[in-house]
Amino acid sequence: MELKVSVSEALTLIKEVENVPAKIFEYIGINIQEAVGKFLTNLMESELTHHLGRDKYKRKKGHTDYRNGSYNRRFCIKGIGEVELKIPRDRDGDFKTQVIPRSRQYEDRITEDLAAMYLTGISTRTLSLLSKRLIGRSISPTEISNATTELKEAIEKWRTRDLSGEKIKYLIIDGVNFRMRIKGR
């Protein structure tokens, strides 16, 4: 890849970075997002080539399944942000990429982080507000609730697990008693 920049463009860029030094990190981030997007797109193209059993523009007698363009999609990756992808497809519609999870808008590590922050007591609405700043994509409170559902299920499974096979020496019980009135009682 060759990058051509005129002297005036370079001077403008240098002056902008001098005035706002953090601007260079924004430029680097944008370049990384583009590079990762192209890399993942190429990886999926290779996956389609393997699925079809032939390279681009190659025909095989007796085969009717060919490349059928691509569609654009955004996917959020932890530490990189939202990347633009071109998901390739085949004419028969049976190609399913293994690179990017189907119908997911962000990777599992983000889900885990959201669930961990939720467990520390941050509300779903607050997490929604913070998500744009933290990962470069706004996540709705409903999506955060859905992300924490898996965690709640895992905690409930752990909480209700069978302990009959365990050797327990001590049982420590801790609790809180709240005085409450219901209908005057």
C-alpha atoms as a PDB file:
ATOM      1  CA  MET A   1       0.000   0.000   0.000  1.00  0.00           C
ATOM      2  CA  GLU A   2       1.436   3.324  -1.051  1.00  0.00           C
ATOM      3  CA  LEU A   3       0.478   6.565   0.639  1.00  0.00           C
ATOM      4  CA  LYS A   4       0.948   9.825  -1.259  1.00  0.00           C
ATOM      5  CA  VAL A   5       0.665  13.078   0.668  1.00  0.00           C
ATOM      6  CA  SER A   6       1.499  16.542  -0.616  1.00  0.00           C
ATOM      7  CA  VAL A   7       3.721  18.887   1.391  1.00  0.00           C
ATOM      8  CA  SER A   8       0.828  21.219   2.199  1.00  0.00           C
ATOM      9  CA  GLU A   9      -1.283  18.290   3.458  1.00  0.00           C
ATOM     10  CA  ALA A  10       1.599  17.085   5.628  1.00  0.00           C
ATOM     11  CA  LEU A  11       2.115  20.578   7.103  1.00  0.00           C
ATOM     12  CA  THR A  12      -1.621  20.904   7.849  1.00  0.00           C
ATOM     13  CA  LEU A  13      -1.583  17.520   9.572  1.00  0.00           C
ATOM     14  CA  ILE A  14       1.506  18.423  11.636  1.00  0.00           C
ATOM     15  CA  LYS A  15      -0.026  21.746  12.735  1.00  0.00           C
ATOM     16  CA  GLU A  16      -3.261  20.006  13.701  1.00  0.00           C
ATOM     17  CA  VAL A  17      -1.367  17.473  15.795  1.00  0.00           C
ATOM     18  CA  GLU A  18       0.682  20.268  17.425  1.00  0.00           C
ATOM     19  CA  ASN A  19      -2.517  22.092  18.413  1.00  0.00           C
ATOM     20  CA  VAL A  20      -4.322  18.958  19.620  1.00  0.00           C
ATOM     21  CA  PRO A  21      -1.796  16.181  20.387  1.00  0.00           C
ATOM     22  CA  ALA A  22      -4.507  13.616  21.112  1.00  0.00           C
ATOM     23  CA  LYS A  23      -5.619  13.944  17.472  1.00  0.00           C
ATOM     24  CA  ILE A  24      -2.800  11.615  16.356  1.00  0.00           C
ATOM     25  CA  PHE A  25      -4.330   8.760  18.391  1.00  0.00           C
ATOM     26  CA  GLU A  26      -7.634   9.360  16.608  1.00  0.00           C
ATOM     27  CA  TYR A  27      -5.877   9.075  13.217  1.00  0.00           C
ATOM     28  CA  ILE A  28      -4.068   5.913  14.333  1.00  0.00           C
ATOM     29  CA  GLY A  29      -7.332   4.413  15.599  1.00  0.00           C
ATOM     30  CA  ILE A  30      -9.095   5.100  12.299  1.00  0.00           C
ATOM     31  CA  ASN A  31      -6.237   3.477  10.354  1.00  0.00           C
ATOM     32  CA  ILE A  32      -6.266   0.427  12.631  1.00  0.00           C
ATOM     33  CA  GLN A  33     -10.035   0.049  12.238  1.00  0.00           C
ATOM     34  CA  GLU A  34      -9.713   0.193   8.432  1.00  0.00           C
ATOM     35  CA  ALA A  35      -6.827  -2.303   8.428  1.00  0.00           C
ATOM     36  CA  VAL A  36      -8.666  -4.751  10.700  1.00  0.00           C
ATOM     37  CA  GLY A  37     -11.822  -4.416   8.587  1.00  0.00           C
ATOM     38  CA  LYS A  38      -9.877  -5.193   5.389  1.00  0.00           C
ATOM     39  CA  PHE A  39      -8.072  -8.093   7.071  1.00  0.00           C
ATOM     40  CA  LEU A  40     -11.310  -9.691   8.295  1.00  0.00           C
ATOM     41  CA  THR A  41     -12.974  -9.135   4.908  1.00  0.00           C
ATOM     42  CA  ASN A  42     -10.036 -10.849   3.154  1.00  0.00           C
ATOM     43  CA  LEU A  43     -10.197 -13.693   5.659  1.00  0.00           C
ATOM     44  CA  MET A  44     -13.893 -14.221   4.904  1.00  0.00           C
ATOM     45  CA  GLU A  45     -13.175 -14.078   1.150  1.00  0.00           C
ATOM     46  CA  SER A  46     -10.605 -16.851   1.637  1.00  0.00           C
ATOM     47  CA  GLU A  47     -13.163 -18.796   3.636  1.00  0.00           C
ATOM     48  CA  LEU A  48     -15.644 -18.492   0.744  1.00  0.00           C
ATOM     49  CA  THR A  49     -12.952 -19.598  -1.708  1.00  0.00           C
ATOM     50  CA  HIS A  50     -12.412 -22.716   0.411  1.00  0.00           C
ATOM     51  CA  HIS A  51     -16.182 -23.278   0.658  1.00  0.00           C
ATOM     52  CA  LEU A  52     -16.625 -23.061  -3.126  1.00  0.00           C
ATOM     53  CA  GLY A  53     -13.436 -24.999  -3.889  1.00  0.00           C
ATOM     54  CA  ARG A  54     -12.150 -22.485  -6.429  1.00  0.00           C
ATOM     55  CA  ASP A  55     -10.707 -18.987  -6.734  1.00  0.00           C
ATOM     56  CA  LYS A  56     -12.480 -15.872  -7.947  1.00  0.00           C
ATOM     57  CA  TYR A  57     -13.501 -15.862 -11.614  1.00  0.00           C
ATOM     58  CA  LYS A  58     -12.886 -19.613 -11.924  1.00  0.00           C
ATOM     59  CA  ARG A  59     -15.683 -21.790 -13.252  1.00  0.00           C
ATOM     60  CA  LYS A  60     -16.143 -25.459 -12.547  1.00  0.00           C
ATOM     61  CA  LYS A  61     -18.194 -27.668 -14.805  1.00  0.00           C
ATOM     62  CA  GLY A  62     -21.338 -28.964 -13.157  1.00  0.00           C
ATOM     63  CA  HIS A  63     -21.290 -26.429 -10.273  1.00  0.00           C
ATOM     64  CA  THR A  64     -23.977 -23.758  -9.967  1.00  0.00           C
ATOM     65  CA  ASP A  65     -22.813 -22.140  -6.725  1.00  0.00           C
ATOM     66  CA  TYR A  66     -20.815 -18.970  -7.381  1.00  0.00           C
ATOM     67  CA  ARG A  67     -19.868 -15.804  -5.530  1.00  0.00           C
ATOM     68  CA  ASN A  68     -22.762 -13.412  -5.222  1.00  0.00           C
ATOM     69  CA  GLY A  69     -21.267 -10.134  -4.066  1.00  0.00           C
ATOM     70  CA  SER A  70     -21.224  -9.028  -0.457  1.00  0.00           C
ATOM     71  CA  TYR A  71     -23.117  -6.947   2.044  1.00  0.00           C
ATOM     72  CA  ASN A  72     -21.806  -4.315   4.424  1.00  0.00           C
ATOM     73  CA  ARG A  73     -21.831  -4.878   8.144  1.00  0.00           C
ATOM     74  CA  ARG A  74     -20.367  -3.231  11.231  1.00  0.00           C
ATOM     75  CA  PHE A  75     -18.815  -5.250  14.042  1.00  0.00           C
ATOM     76  CA  CYS A  76     -17.370  -3.917  17.290  1.00  0.00           C
ATOM     77  CA  ILE A  77     -14.095  -5.381  18.570  1.00  0.00           C
ATOM     78  CA  LYS A  78     -12.698  -4.692  22.034  1.00  0.00           C
ATOM     79  CA  GLY A  79      -9.689  -2.393  21.922  1.00  0.00           C
ATOM     80  CA  ILE A  80     -10.263  -1.473  18.273  1.00  0.00           C
ATOM     81  CA  GLY A  81     -13.808  -0.198  18.056  1.00  0.00           C
ATOM     82  CA  GLU A  82     -16.340  -0.538  15.278  1.00  0.00           C
ATOM     83  CA  VAL A  83     -14.989  -1.889  11.981  1.00  0.00           C
ATOM     84  CA  GLU A  84     -16.608  -1.899   8.542  1.00  0.00           C
ATOM     85  CA  LEU A  85     -16.805  -5.346   6.962  1.00  0.00           C
ATOM     86  CA  LYS A  86     -17.937  -6.717   3.625  1.00  0.00           C
ATOM     87  CA  ILE A  87     -19.456 -10.122   4.248  1.00  0.00           C
ATOM     88  CA  PRO A  88     -19.202 -12.245   1.074  1.00  0.00           C
ATOM     89  CA  ARG A  89     -22.063 -14.481   0.006  1.00  0.00           C
ATOM     90  CA  ASP A  90     -22.659 -17.261  -2.452  1.00  0.00           C
ATOM     91  CA  ARG A  91     -25.482 -17.740  -4.904  1.00  0.00           C
ATOM     92  CA  ASP A  92     -26.972 -20.781  -3.127  1.00  0.00           C
ATOM     93  CA  GLY A  93     -26.956 -18.923   0.202  1.00  0.00           C
ATOM     94  CA  ASP A  94     -25.435 -21.779   2.195  1.00  0.00           C
ATOM     95  CA  PHE A  95     -22.105 -20.061   3.006  1.00  0.00           C
ATOM     96  CA  LYS A  96     -21.848 -19.128   6.696  1.00  0.00           C
ATOM     97  CA  THR A  97     -18.679 -17.418   7.815  1.00  0.00           C
ATOM     98  CA  GLN A  98     -16.948 -18.616  10.978  1.00  0.00           C
ATOM     99  CA  VAL A  99     -14.921 -15.397  11.318  1.00  0.00           C
ATOM    100  CA  ILE A 100     -17.730 -13.139  12.544  1.00  0.00           C
ATOM    101  CA  PRO A 101     -20.579 -14.567  14.647  1.00  0.00           C
ATOM    102  CA  ARG A 102     -23.935 -14.405  12.901  1.00  0.00           C
ATOM    103  CA  SER A 103     -26.350 -11.741  14.177  1.00  0.00           C
ATOM    104  CA  ARG A 104     -23.861 -10.423  16.740  1.00  0.00           C
ATOM    105  CA  GLN A 105     -22.860  -6.766  16.682  1.00  0.00           C
ATOM    106  CA  TYR A 106     -19.909  -7.045  19.045  1.00  0.00           C
ATOM    107  CA  GLU A 107     -17.537  -9.712  20.271  1.00  0.00           C
ATOM    108  CA  ASP A 108     -17.997 -11.887  23.359  1.00  0.00           C
ATOM    109  CA  ARG A 109     -15.278 -10.113  25.371  1.00  0.00           C
ATOM    110  CA  ILE A 110     -17.395  -6.956  25.300  1.00  0.00           C
ATOM    111  CA  THR A 111     -20.380  -8.950  26.569  1.00  0.00           C
ATOM    112  CA  GLU A 112     -18.251 -10.291  29.423  1.00  0.00           C
ATOM    113  CA  ASP A 113     -17.021  -6.807  30.326  1.00  0.00           C
ATOM    114  CA  LEU A 114     -20.548  -5.379  30.294  1.00  0.00           C
ATOM    115  CA  ALA A 115     -21.749  -8.199  32.542  1.00  0.00           C
ATOM    116  CA  ALA A 116     -18.845  -7.646  34.954  1.00  0.00           C
ATOM    117  CA  MET A 117     -19.575  -3.913  35.170  1.00  0.00           C
ATOM    118  CA  TYR A 118     -23.258  -4.695  35.706  1.00  0.00           C
ATOM    119  CA  LEU A 119     -22.316  -6.985  38.604  1.00  0.00           C
ATOM    120  CA  THR A 120     -20.360  -4.181  40.248  1.00  0.00           C
ATOM    121  CA  GLY A 121     -23.581  -2.194  40.446  1.00  0.00           C
ATOM    122  CA  ILE A 122     -23.553  -0.012  37.349  1.00  0.00           C
ATOM    123  CA  SER A 123     -27.085   0.261  35.972  1.00  0.00           C
ATOM    124  CA  THR A 124     -27.982  -0.748  32.415  1.00  0.00           C
ATOM    125  CA  ARG A 125     -28.797   2.867  31.548  1.00  0.00           C
ATOM    126  CA  THR A 126     -25.448   4.104  32.844  1.00  0.00           C
ATOM    127  CA  LEU A 127     -23.634   1.342  30.947  1.00  0.00           C
ATOM    128  CA  SER A 128     -25.527   2.370  27.841  1.00  0.00           C
ATOM    129  CA  LEU A 129     -24.277   5.932  28.241  1.00  0.00           C
ATOM    130  CA  LEU A 130     -20.697   4.763  28.884  1.00  0.00           C
ATOM    131  CA  SER A 131     -20.585   2.245  26.025  1.00  0.00           C
ATOM    132  CA  LYS A 132     -20.049   4.840  23.271  1.00  0.00           C
ATOM    133  CA  ARG A 133     -17.052   6.226  25.093  1.00  0.00           C
ATOM    134  CA  LEU A 134     -15.610   2.859  26.138  1.00  0.00           C
ATOM    135  CA  ILE A 135     -15.990   0.765  22.995  1.00  0.00           C
ATOM    136  CA  GLY A 136     -16.853   3.249  20.270  1.00  0.00           C
ATOM    137  CA  ARG A 137     -20.420   2.033  19.847  1.00  0.00           C
ATOM    138  CA  SER A 138     -23.586   2.890  21.715  1.00  0.00           C
ATOM    139  CA  ILE A 139     -25.273  -0.164  23.220  1.00  0.00           C
ATOM    140  CA  SER A 140     -28.909   0.061  24.298  1.00  0.00           C
ATOM    141  CA  PRO A 141     -29.989  -0.809  27.848  1.00  0.00           C
ATOM    142  CA  THR A 142     -31.934  -3.770  26.405  1.00  0.00           C
ATOM    143  CA  GLU A 143     -28.787  -5.164  24.761  1.00  0.00           C
ATOM    144  CA  ILE A 144     -26.953  -4.824  28.070  1.00  0.00           C
ATOM    145  CA  SER A 145     -29.754  -6.656  29.862  1.00  0.00           C
ATOM    146  CA  ASN A 146     -29.519  -9.423  27.267  1.00  0.00           C
ATOM    147  CA  ALA A 147     -25.741  -9.586  27.740  1.00  0.00           C
ATOM    148  CA  THR A 148     -26.154 -10.021  31.477  1.00  0.00           C
ATOM    149  CA  THR A 149     -28.761 -12.774  31.076  1.00  0.00           C
ATOM    150  CA  GLU A 150     -26.059 -15.379  30.377  1.00  0.00           C
ATOM    151  CA  LEU A 151     -24.227 -14.284  33.501  1.00  0.00           C
ATOM    152  CA  LYS A 152     -27.381 -14.453  35.624  1.00  0.00           C
ATOM    153  CA  GLU A 153     -28.068 -17.975  34.316  1.00  0.00           C
ATOM    154  CA  ALA A 154     -24.505 -19.073  35.167  1.00  0.00           C
ATOM    155  CA  ILE A 155     -24.782 -17.618  38.680  1.00  0.00           C
ATOM    156  CA  GLU A 156     -28.150 -19.329  39.227  1.00  0.00           C
ATOM    157  CA  LYS A 157     -26.691 -22.643  38.005  1.00  0.00           C
ATOM    158  CA  TRP A 158     -23.773 -22.258  40.444  1.00  0.00           C
ATOM    159  CA  ARG A 159     -26.087 -21.210  43.296  1.00  0.00           C
ATOM    160  CA  THR A 160     -28.397 -24.223  42.858  1.00  0.00           C
ATOM    161  CA  ARG A 161     -25.681 -26.814  42.151  1.00  0.00           C
ATOM    162  CA  ASP A 162     -25.728 -30.179  43.926  1.00  0.00           C
ATOM    163  CA  LEU A 163     -23.441 -30.190  46.961  1.00  0.00           C
ATOM    164  CA  SER A 164     -24.242 -33.729  48.147  1.00  0.00           C
ATOM    165  CA  GLY A 165     -20.944 -35.055  46.783  1.00  0.00           C
ATOM    166  CA  GLU A 166     -18.855 -32.348  48.470  1.00  0.00           C
ATOM    167  CA  LYS A 167     -17.122 -32.785  51.824  1.00  0.00           C
ATOM    168  CA  ILE A 168     -18.186 -29.749  53.822  1.00  0.00           C
ATOM    169  CA  LYS A 169     -16.460 -29.065  57.159  1.00  0.00           C
ATOM    170  CA  TYR A 170     -18.021 -25.733  58.032  1.00  0.00           C
ATOM    171  CA  LEU A 171     -21.285 -24.114  57.138  1.00  0.00           C
ATOM    172  CA  ILE A 172     -21.356 -20.368  57.610  1.00  0.00           C
ATOM    173  CA  ILE A 173     -24.739 -18.722  57.240  1.00  0.00           C
ATOM    174  CA  ASP A 174     -25.029 -14.984  56.874  1.00  0.00           C
ATOM    175  CA  GLY A 175     -28.197 -13.009  56.433  1.00  0.00           C
ATOM    176  CA  VAL A 176     -30.037  -9.740  56.854  1.00  0.00           C
ATOM    177  CA  ASN A 177     -33.401  -9.264  58.511  1.00  0.00           C
ATOM    178  CA  PHE A 178     -35.441  -6.316  57.264  1.00  0.00           C
ATOM    179  CA  ARG A 179     -38.455  -5.114  59.247  1.00  0.00           C
ATOM    180  CA  MET A 180     -41.281  -4.548  56.813  1.00  0.00           C
ATOM    181  CA  ARG A 181     -44.911  -3.523  57.033  1.00  0.00           C
ATOM    182  CA  ILE A 182     -47.365  -4.897  54.535  1.00  0.00           C
ATOM    183  CA  LYS A 183     -50.934  -3.575  54.736  1.00  0.00           C
ATOM    184  CA  GLY A 184     -50.363  -2.191  58.218  1.00  0.00           C
ATOM    185  CA  ARG A 185     -48.804  -5.332  59.657  1.00  0.00           C
END
